[in-house]
Amino acid sequence: MRDKIHPEYKETTIACVCGEVIHTRSTKQNIHVDICSKCHPFFTGKQKLVDAAGRVERFAKRYAGKVKPAKAKSDSATEAPPEEK
């Protein structure tokens, strides 16, 4: 390997605005992040599905009367084929 082509890999801390501090190694030092796994809604389980501007209700209202019942399959597939003479 050639010398002096790789970046320095040094001890660093990652700090979140929630107060979580993670000690690791990186090529950058003292990284500050807005959100981490301790406070992100996806990882904490507090994620909520937000209905943007009533889209679900609007969809339900638009297609409320237009739903067709599923067609029943005919029993012809279970019947025996006609005999040939």
PDB file of N, CA and C in Angstrom:
ATOM      1  N   MET A   1       0.835  -1.195   0.000  1.00  0.00           N
ATOM      2  CA  MET A   1       0.000   0.000   0.000  1.00  0.00           C
ATOM      3  C   MET A   1       0.869   1.244   0.000  1.00  0.00           C
ATOM      4  N   ARG A   2       0.364   2.252  -0.627  1.00  0.00           N
ATOM      5  CA  ARG A   2       1.113   3.499  -0.657  1.00  0.00           C
ATOM      6  C   ARG A   2       0.889   4.265   0.629  1.00  0.00           C
ATOM      7  N   ASP A   3       1.884   4.974   1.049  1.00  0.00           N
ATOM      8  CA  ASP A   3       1.797   5.775   2.268  1.00  0.00           C
ATOM      9  C   ASP A   3       1.144   7.118   1.985  1.00  0.00           C
ATOM     10  N   LYS A   4       0.477   7.646   3.003  1.00  0.00           N
ATOM     11  CA  LYS A   4      -0.074   9.013   3.012  1.00  0.00           C
ATOM     12  C   LYS A   4      -1.172   9.261   1.976  1.00  0.00           C
ATOM     13  N   ILE A   5      -1.923   8.215   1.573  1.00  0.00           N
ATOM     14  CA  ILE A   5      -3.046   8.452   0.664  1.00  0.00           C
ATOM     15  C   ILE A   5      -4.383   8.234   1.359  1.00  0.00           C
ATOM     16  N   HIS A   6      -4.366   7.623   2.539  1.00  0.00           N
ATOM     17  CA  HIS A   6      -5.592   7.332   3.261  1.00  0.00           C
ATOM     18  C   HIS A   6      -5.871   8.425   4.291  1.00  0.00           C
ATOM     19  N   PRO A   7      -7.143   8.786   4.472  1.00  0.00           N
ATOM     20  CA  PRO A   7      -7.460   9.819   5.469  1.00  0.00           C
ATOM     21  C   PRO A   7      -7.242   9.290   6.887  1.00  0.00           C
ATOM     22  N   GLU A   8      -7.058  10.196   7.822  1.00  0.00           N
ATOM     23  CA  GLU A   8      -6.877   9.809   9.221  1.00  0.00           C
ATOM     24  C   GLU A   8      -8.197   9.305   9.780  1.00  0.00           C
ATOM     25  N   TYR A   9      -8.146   8.191  10.468  1.00  0.00           N
ATOM     26  CA  TYR A   9      -9.325   7.573  11.074  1.00  0.00           C
ATOM     27  C   TYR A   9      -9.163   7.733  12.574  1.00  0.00           C
ATOM     28  N   LYS A  10      -9.900   8.676  13.156  1.00  0.00           N
ATOM     29  CA  LYS A  10      -9.667   9.028  14.552  1.00  0.00           C
ATOM     30  C   LYS A  10     -10.936   8.942  15.386  1.00  0.00           C
ATOM     31  N   GLU A  11     -10.768   8.949  16.709  1.00  0.00           N
ATOM     32  CA  GLU A  11     -11.889   8.926  17.638  1.00  0.00           C
ATOM     33  C   GLU A  11     -12.729  10.192  17.446  1.00  0.00           C
ATOM     34  N   THR A  12     -14.064  10.035  17.488  1.00  0.00           N
ATOM     35  CA  THR A  12     -14.954  11.177  17.322  1.00  0.00           C
ATOM     36  C   THR A  12     -16.214  10.960  18.147  1.00  0.00           C
ATOM     37  N   THR A  13     -16.969  12.026  18.328  1.00  0.00           N
ATOM     38  CA  THR A  13     -18.255  11.929  19.012  1.00  0.00           C
ATOM     39  C   THR A  13     -19.335  12.453  18.081  1.00  0.00           C
ATOM     40  N   ILE A  14     -20.470  11.765  18.101  1.00  0.00           N
ATOM     41  CA  ILE A  14     -21.636  12.197  17.336  1.00  0.00           C
ATOM     42  C   ILE A  14     -22.652  12.670  18.359  1.00  0.00           C
ATOM     43  N   ALA A  15     -23.059  13.931  18.258  1.00  0.00           N
ATOM     44  CA  ALA A  15     -23.992  14.506  19.218  1.00  0.00           C
ATOM     45  C   ALA A  15     -25.301  14.858  18.521  1.00  0.00           C
ATOM     46  N   CYS A  16     -26.415  14.438  19.135  1.00  0.00           N
ATOM     47  CA  CYS A  16     -27.746  14.733  18.612  1.00  0.00           C
ATOM     48  C   CYS A  16     -28.336  15.874  19.423  1.00  0.00           C
ATOM     49  N   VAL A  17     -29.326  16.556  18.868  1.00  0.00           N
ATOM     50  CA  VAL A  17     -29.965  17.660  19.594  1.00  0.00           C
ATOM     51  C   VAL A  17     -30.789  17.151  20.778  1.00  0.00           C
ATOM     52  N   CYS A  18     -31.140  15.852  20.784  1.00  0.00           N
ATOM     53  CA  CYS A  18     -31.899  15.293  21.908  1.00  0.00           C
ATOM     54  C   CYS A  18     -30.998  15.034  23.111  1.00  0.00           C
ATOM     55  N   GLY A  19     -29.693  15.118  22.930  1.00  0.00           N
ATOM     56  CA  GLY A  19     -28.768  14.909  24.028  1.00  0.00           C
ATOM     57  C   GLY A  19     -27.982  13.611  23.928  1.00  0.00           C
ATOM     58  N   GLU A  20     -28.324  12.757  23.017  1.00  0.00           N
ATOM     59  CA  GLU A  20     -27.625  11.493  22.842  1.00  0.00           C
ATOM     60  C   GLU A  20     -26.229  11.747  22.287  1.00  0.00           C
ATOM     61  N   VAL A  21     -25.227  11.089  22.894  1.00  0.00           N
ATOM     62  CA  VAL A  21     -23.841  11.215  22.444  1.00  0.00           C
ATOM     63  C   VAL A  21     -23.327   9.818  22.144  1.00  0.00           C
ATOM     64  N   ILE A  22     -22.779   9.635  20.945  1.00  0.00           N
ATOM     65  CA  ILE A  22     -22.251   8.350  20.513  1.00  0.00           C
ATOM     66  C   ILE A  22     -20.765   8.523  20.249  1.00  0.00           C
ATOM     67  N   HIS A  23     -19.958   7.659  20.847  1.00  0.00           N
ATOM     68  CA  HIS A  23     -18.512   7.692  20.631  1.00  0.00           C
ATOM     69  C   HIS A  23     -18.159   6.617  19.621  1.00  0.00           C
ATOM     70  N   THR A  24     -17.463   7.005  18.573  1.00  0.00           N
ATOM     71  CA  THR A  24     -17.086   6.081  17.509  1.00  0.00           C
ATOM     72  C   THR A  24     -15.818   6.580  16.844  1.00  0.00           C
ATOM     73  N   ARG A  25     -15.503   6.011  15.696  1.00  0.00           N
ATOM     74  CA  ARG A  25     -14.337   6.452  14.928  1.00  0.00           C
ATOM     75  C   ARG A  25     -14.800   6.897  13.550  1.00  0.00           C
ATOM     76  N   SER A  26     -14.173   7.952  13.043  1.00  0.00           N
ATOM     77  CA  SER A  26     -14.551   8.481  11.743  1.00  0.00           C
ATOM     78  C   SER A  26     -13.417   9.327  11.191  1.00  0.00           C
ATOM     79  N   THR A  27     -13.563   9.712   9.939  1.00  0.00           N
ATOM     80  CA  THR A  27     -12.584  10.619   9.349  1.00  0.00           C
ATOM     81  C   THR A  27     -12.905  12.067   9.705  1.00  0.00           C
ATOM     82  N   LYS A  28     -14.121  12.315  10.195  1.00  0.00           N
ATOM     83  CA  LYS A  28     -14.525  13.648  10.642  1.00  0.00           C
ATOM     84  C   LYS A  28     -14.592  13.654  12.163  1.00  0.00           C
ATOM     85  N   GLN A  29     -14.379  14.809  12.763  1.00  0.00           N
ATOM     86  CA  GLN A  29     -14.459  14.908  14.210  1.00  0.00           C
ATOM     87  C   GLN A  29     -15.659  15.737  14.623  1.00  0.00           C
ATOM     88  N   ASN A  30     -16.243  15.359  15.778  1.00  0.00           N
ATOM     89  CA  ASN A  30     -17.333  16.111  16.401  1.00  0.00           C
ATOM     90  C   ASN A  30     -18.480  16.388  15.431  1.00  0.00           C
ATOM     91  N   ILE A  31     -19.223  15.347  15.124  1.00  0.00           N
ATOM     92  CA  ILE A  31     -20.348  15.434  14.205  1.00  0.00           C
ATOM     93  C   ILE A  31     -21.603  15.782  14.999  1.00  0.00           C
ATOM     94  N   HIS A  32     -22.376  16.740  14.527  1.00  0.00           N
ATOM     95  CA  HIS A  32     -23.641  17.138  15.152  1.00  0.00           C
ATOM     96  C   HIS A  32     -24.785  16.789  14.204  1.00  0.00           C
ATOM     97  N   VAL A  33     -25.784  16.044  14.718  1.00  0.00           N
ATOM     98  CA  VAL A  33     -26.922  15.641  13.898  1.00  0.00           C
ATOM     99  C   VAL A  33     -28.210  16.159  14.526  1.00  0.00           C
ATOM    100  N   ASP A  34     -29.248  16.306  13.699  1.00  0.00           N
ATOM    101  CA  ASP A  34     -30.539  16.791  14.171  1.00  0.00           C
ATOM    102  C   ASP A  34     -31.394  15.684  14.767  1.00  0.00           C
ATOM    103  N   ILE A  35     -31.219  14.468  14.286  1.00  0.00           N
ATOM    104  CA  ILE A  35     -32.064  13.365  14.730  1.00  0.00           C
ATOM    105  C   ILE A  35     -31.233  12.077  14.725  1.00  0.00           C
ATOM    106  N   CYS A  36     -31.479  11.229  15.722  1.00  0.00           N
ATOM    107  CA  CYS A  36     -30.730   9.980  15.833  1.00  0.00           C
ATOM    108  C   CYS A  36     -31.709   8.831  16.076  1.00  0.00           C
ATOM    109  N   SER A  37     -31.190   7.633  16.281  1.00  0.00           N
ATOM    110  CA  SER A  37     -32.049   6.471  16.477  1.00  0.00           C
ATOM    111  C   SER A  37     -32.776   6.509  17.818  1.00  0.00           C
ATOM    112  N   LYS A  38     -32.314   7.296  18.758  1.00  0.00           N
ATOM    113  CA  LYS A  38     -32.989   7.405  20.062  1.00  0.00           C
ATOM    114  C   LYS A  38     -34.228   8.300  19.995  1.00  0.00           C
ATOM    115  N   CYS A  39     -34.245   9.252  19.068  1.00  0.00           N
ATOM    116  CA  CYS A  39     -35.367  10.191  19.027  1.00  0.00           C
ATOM    117  C   CYS A  39     -36.152  10.158  17.712  1.00  0.00           C
ATOM    118  N   HIS A  40     -35.717   9.383  16.726  1.00  0.00           N
ATOM    119  CA  HIS A  40     -36.438   9.317  15.454  1.00  0.00           C
ATOM    120  C   HIS A  40     -37.741   8.537  15.639  1.00  0.00           C
ATOM    121  N   PRO A  41     -38.865   9.051  15.147  1.00  0.00           N
ATOM    122  CA  PRO A  41     -40.162   8.385  15.333  1.00  0.00           C
ATOM    123  C   PRO A  41     -40.220   6.969  14.774  1.00  0.00           C
ATOM    124  N   PHE A  42     -39.503   6.680  13.733  1.00  0.00           N
ATOM    125  CA  PHE A  42     -39.533   5.336  13.158  1.00  0.00           C
ATOM    126  C   PHE A  42     -38.937   4.320  14.129  1.00  0.00           C
ATOM    127  N   PHE A  43     -37.846   4.674  14.780  1.00  0.00           N
ATOM    128  CA  PHE A  43     -37.171   3.748  15.683  1.00  0.00           C
ATOM    129  C   PHE A  43     -37.802   3.716  17.071  1.00  0.00           C
ATOM    130  N   THR A  44     -38.466   4.784  17.480  1.00  0.00           N
ATOM    131  CA  THR A  44     -39.078   4.812  18.803  1.00  0.00           C
ATOM    132  C   THR A  44     -40.462   4.184  18.811  1.00  0.00           C
ATOM    133  N   GLY A  45     -41.067   3.984  17.632  1.00  0.00           N
ATOM    134  CA  GLY A  45     -42.386   3.384  17.556  1.00  0.00           C
ATOM    135  C   GLY A  45     -43.500   4.394  17.736  1.00  0.00           C
ATOM    136  N   LYS A  46     -43.202   5.657  17.729  1.00  0.00           N
ATOM    137  CA  LYS A  46     -44.209   6.695  17.916  1.00  0.00           C
ATOM    138  C   LYS A  46     -44.604   7.348  16.599  1.00  0.00           C
ATOM    139  N   GLN A  47     -44.285   6.689  15.500  1.00  0.00           N
ATOM    140  CA  GLN A  47     -44.602   7.239  14.187  1.00  0.00           C
ATOM    141  C   GLN A  47     -46.104   7.194  13.974  1.00  0.00           C
ATOM    142  N   LYS A  48     -46.648   8.280  13.485  1.00  0.00           N
ATOM    143  CA  LYS A  48     -48.079   8.365  13.221  1.00  0.00           C
ATOM    144  C   LYS A  48     -48.297   8.560  11.730  1.00  0.00           C
ATOM    145  N   LEU A  49     -49.332   7.922  11.233  1.00  0.00           N
ATOM    146  CA  LEU A  49     -49.701   8.109   9.847  1.00  0.00           C
ATOM    147  C   LEU A  49     -50.549   9.373   9.758  1.00  0.00           C
ATOM    148  N   VAL A  50     -50.115  10.316   8.990  1.00  0.00           N
ATOM    149  CA  VAL A  50     -50.824  11.580   8.886  1.00  0.00           C
ATOM    150  C   VAL A  50     -51.627  11.590   7.601  1.00  0.00           C
ATOM    151  N   ASP A  51     -52.913  11.847   7.733  1.00  0.00           N
ATOM    152  CA  ASP A  51     -53.779  11.949   6.579  1.00  0.00           C
ATOM    153  C   ASP A  51     -53.669  13.368   6.056  1.00  0.00           C
ATOM    154  N   ALA A  52     -52.989  13.537   4.947  1.00  0.00           N
ATOM    155  CA  ALA A  52     -52.750  14.865   4.396  1.00  0.00           C
ATOM    156  C   ALA A  52     -54.008  15.380   3.710  1.00  0.00           C
ATOM    157  N   ALA A  53     -54.623  16.365   4.291  1.00  0.00           N
ATOM    158  CA  ALA A  53     -55.768  17.076   3.715  1.00  0.00           C
ATOM    159  C   ALA A  53     -56.959  16.163   3.433  1.00  0.00           C
ATOM    160  N   GLY A  54     -57.195  15.169   4.273  1.00  0.00           N
ATOM    161  CA  GLY A  54     -58.377  14.324   4.148  1.00  0.00           C
ATOM    162  C   GLY A  54     -58.410  13.455   2.909  1.00  0.00           C
ATOM    163  N   ARG A  55     -57.280  13.011   2.450  1.00  0.00           N
ATOM    164  CA  ARG A  55     -57.229  12.229   1.214  1.00  0.00           C
ATOM    165  C   ARG A  55     -57.943  10.887   1.344  1.00  0.00           C
ATOM    166  N   VAL A  56     -57.841  10.262   2.505  1.00  0.00           N
ATOM    167  CA  VAL A  56     -58.504   8.971   2.681  1.00  0.00           C
ATOM    168  C   VAL A  56     -60.012   9.148   2.626  1.00  0.00           C
ATOM    169  N   GLU A  57     -60.529  10.157   3.318  1.00  0.00           N
ATOM    170  CA  GLU A  57     -61.972  10.408   3.302  1.00  0.00           C
ATOM    171  C   GLU A  57     -62.451  10.777   1.907  1.00  0.00           C
ATOM    172  N   ARG A  58     -61.665  11.573   1.194  1.00  0.00           N
ATOM    173  CA  ARG A  58     -62.029  11.974  -0.160  1.00  0.00           C
ATOM    174  C   ARG A  58     -62.067  10.759  -1.084  1.00  0.00           C
ATOM    175  N   PHE A  59     -61.110   9.848  -0.940  1.00  0.00           N
ATOM    176  CA  PHE A  59     -61.091   8.632  -1.745  1.00  0.00           C
ATOM    177  C   PHE A  59     -62.302   7.766  -1.418  1.00  0.00           C
ATOM    178  N   ALA A  60     -62.588   7.592  -0.128  1.00  0.00           N
ATOM    179  CA  ALA A  60     -63.722   6.766   0.284  1.00  0.00           C
ATOM    180  C   ALA A  60     -65.033   7.348  -0.218  1.00  0.00           C
ATOM    181  N   LYS A  61     -65.154   8.665  -0.171  1.00  0.00           N
ATOM    182  CA  LYS A  61     -66.382   9.314  -0.635  1.00  0.00           C
ATOM    183  C   LYS A  61     -66.537   9.180  -2.150  1.00  0.00           C
ATOM    184  N   ARG A  62     -65.456   9.301  -2.866  1.00  0.00           N
ATOM    185  CA  ARG A  62     -65.506   9.238  -4.328  1.00  0.00           C
ATOM    186  C   ARG A  62     -65.887   7.849  -4.818  1.00  0.00           C
ATOM    187  N   TYR A  63     -65.361   6.826  -4.191  1.00  0.00           N
ATOM    188  CA  TYR A  63     -65.582   5.469  -4.666  1.00  0.00           C
ATOM    189  C   TYR A  63     -66.531   4.665  -3.781  1.00  0.00           C
ATOM    190  N   ALA A  64     -67.319   5.320  -2.961  1.00  0.00           N
ATOM    191  CA  ALA A  64     -68.215   4.627  -2.035  1.00  0.00           C
ATOM    192  C   ALA A  64     -69.260   3.792  -2.771  1.00  0.00           C
ATOM    193  N   GLY A  65     -69.896   4.311  -3.800  1.00  0.00           N
ATOM    194  CA  GLY A  65     -70.956   3.588  -4.482  1.00  0.00           C
ATOM    195  C   GLY A  65     -70.503   2.849  -5.713  1.00  0.00           C
ATOM    196  N   LYS A  66     -69.238   2.931  -6.059  1.00  0.00           N
ATOM    197  CA  LYS A  66     -68.758   2.363  -7.318  1.00  0.00           C
ATOM    198  C   LYS A  66     -68.087   1.011  -7.156  1.00  0.00           C
ATOM    199  N   VAL A  67     -68.101   0.461  -5.989  1.00  0.00           N
ATOM    200  CA  VAL A  67     -67.448  -0.828  -5.772  1.00  0.00           C
ATOM    201  C   VAL A  67     -68.360  -1.931  -6.277  1.00  0.00           C
ATOM    202  N   LYS A  68     -67.857  -2.743  -7.201  1.00  0.00           N
ATOM    203  CA  LYS A  68     -68.637  -3.843  -7.757  1.00  0.00           C
ATOM    204  C   LYS A  68     -68.296  -5.109  -6.983  1.00  0.00           C
ATOM    205  N   PRO A  69     -69.299  -5.935  -6.731  1.00  0.00           N
ATOM    206  CA  PRO A  69     -68.989  -7.199  -6.058  1.00  0.00           C
ATOM    207  C   PRO A  69     -68.182  -8.091  -6.981  1.00  0.00           C
ATOM    208  N   ALA A  70     -67.361  -8.918  -6.398  1.00  0.00           N
ATOM    209  CA  ALA A  70     -66.521  -9.817  -7.190  1.00  0.00           C
ATOM    210  C   ALA A  70     -67.402 -10.832  -7.909  1.00  0.00           C
ATOM    211  N   LYS A  71     -67.074 -11.097  -9.154  1.00  0.00           N
ATOM    212  CA  LYS A  71     -67.852 -12.055  -9.932  1.00  0.00           C
ATOM    213  C   LYS A  71     -67.612 -13.446  -9.377  1.00  0.00           C
ATOM    214  N   ALA A  72     -68.690 -14.185  -9.234  1.00  0.00           N
ATOM    215  CA  ALA A  72     -68.578 -15.561  -8.775  1.00  0.00           C
ATOM    216  C   ALA A  72     -68.117 -16.416  -9.942  1.00  0.00           C
ATOM    217  N   LYS A  73     -67.175 -17.277  -9.668  1.00  0.00           N
ATOM    218  CA  LYS A  73     -66.694 -18.156 -10.730  1.00  0.00           C
ATOM    219  C   LYS A  73     -67.773 -19.181 -11.041  1.00  0.00           C
ATOM    220  N   SER A  74     -67.959 -19.445 -12.313  1.00  0.00           N
ATOM    221  CA  SER A  74     -68.968 -20.441 -12.688  1.00  0.00           C
ATOM    222  C   SER A  74     -68.465 -21.829 -12.343  1.00  0.00           C
ATOM    223  N   ASP A  75     -69.368 -22.717 -12.112  1.00  0.00           N
ATOM    224  CA  ASP A  75     -69.021 -24.071 -11.727  1.00  0.00           C
ATOM    225  C   ASP A  75     -68.649 -24.933 -12.927  1.00  0.00           C
ATOM    226  N   SER A  76     -68.503 -24.324 -14.092  1.00  0.00           N
ATOM    227  CA  SER A  76     -68.199 -25.104 -15.291  1.00  0.00           C
ATOM    228  C   SER A  76     -66.820 -25.748 -15.192  1.00  0.00           C
ATOM    229  N   ALA A  77     -65.952 -25.178 -14.421  1.00  0.00           N
ATOM    230  CA  ALA A  77     -64.616 -25.757 -14.287  1.00  0.00           C
ATOM    231  C   ALA A  77     -64.664 -27.052 -13.500  1.00  0.00           C
ATOM    232  N   THR A  78     -65.651 -27.180 -12.632  1.00  0.00           N
ATOM    233  CA  THR A  78     -65.746 -28.397 -11.830  1.00  0.00           C
ATOM    234  C   THR A  78     -66.593 -29.464 -12.505  1.00  0.00           C
ATOM    235  N   GLU A  79     -67.345 -29.068 -13.536  1.00  0.00           N
ATOM    236  CA  GLU A  79     -68.185 -30.031 -14.227  1.00  0.00           C
ATOM    237  C   GLU A  79     -67.335 -30.882 -15.161  1.00  0.00           C
ATOM    238  N   ALA A  80     -67.819 -32.079 -15.450  1.00  0.00           N
ATOM    239  CA  ALA A  80     -67.130 -32.947 -16.385  1.00  0.00           C
ATOM    240  C   ALA A  80     -67.358 -32.453 -17.810  1.00  0.00           C
ATOM    241  N   PRO A  81     -66.360 -32.590 -18.649  1.00  0.00           N
ATOM    242  CA  PRO A  81     -66.531 -32.139 -20.029  1.00  0.00           C
ATOM    243  C   PRO A  81     -67.576 -33.014 -20.744  1.00  0.00           C
ATOM    244  N   PRO A  82     -68.276 -32.463 -21.732  1.00  0.00           N
ATOM    245  CA  PRO A  82     -69.281 -33.230 -22.450  1.00  0.00           C
ATOM    246  C   PRO A  82     -68.629 -34.390 -23.223  1.00  0.00           C
ATOM    247  N   GLU A  83     -69.360 -35.472 -23.306  1.00  0.00           N
ATOM    248  CA  GLU A  83     -68.842 -36.650 -23.992  1.00  0.00           C
ATOM    249  C   GLU A  83     -68.952 -36.455 -25.503  1.00  0.00           C
ATOM    250  N   GLU A  84     -67.964 -36.896 -26.204  1.00  0.00           N
ATOM    251  CA  GLU A  84     -67.981 -36.799 -27.669  1.00  0.00           C
ATOM    252  C   GLU A  84     -68.404 -38.142 -28.264  1.00  0.00           C
ATOM    253  N   LYS A  85     -69.151 -38.116 -29.383  1.00  0.00           N
ATOM    254  CA  LYS A  85     -69.597 -39.362 -30.042  1.00  0.00           C
ATOM    255  C   LYS A  85     -68.896 -39.566 -31.331  1.00  0.00           C
TER     256      LYS A  85
END
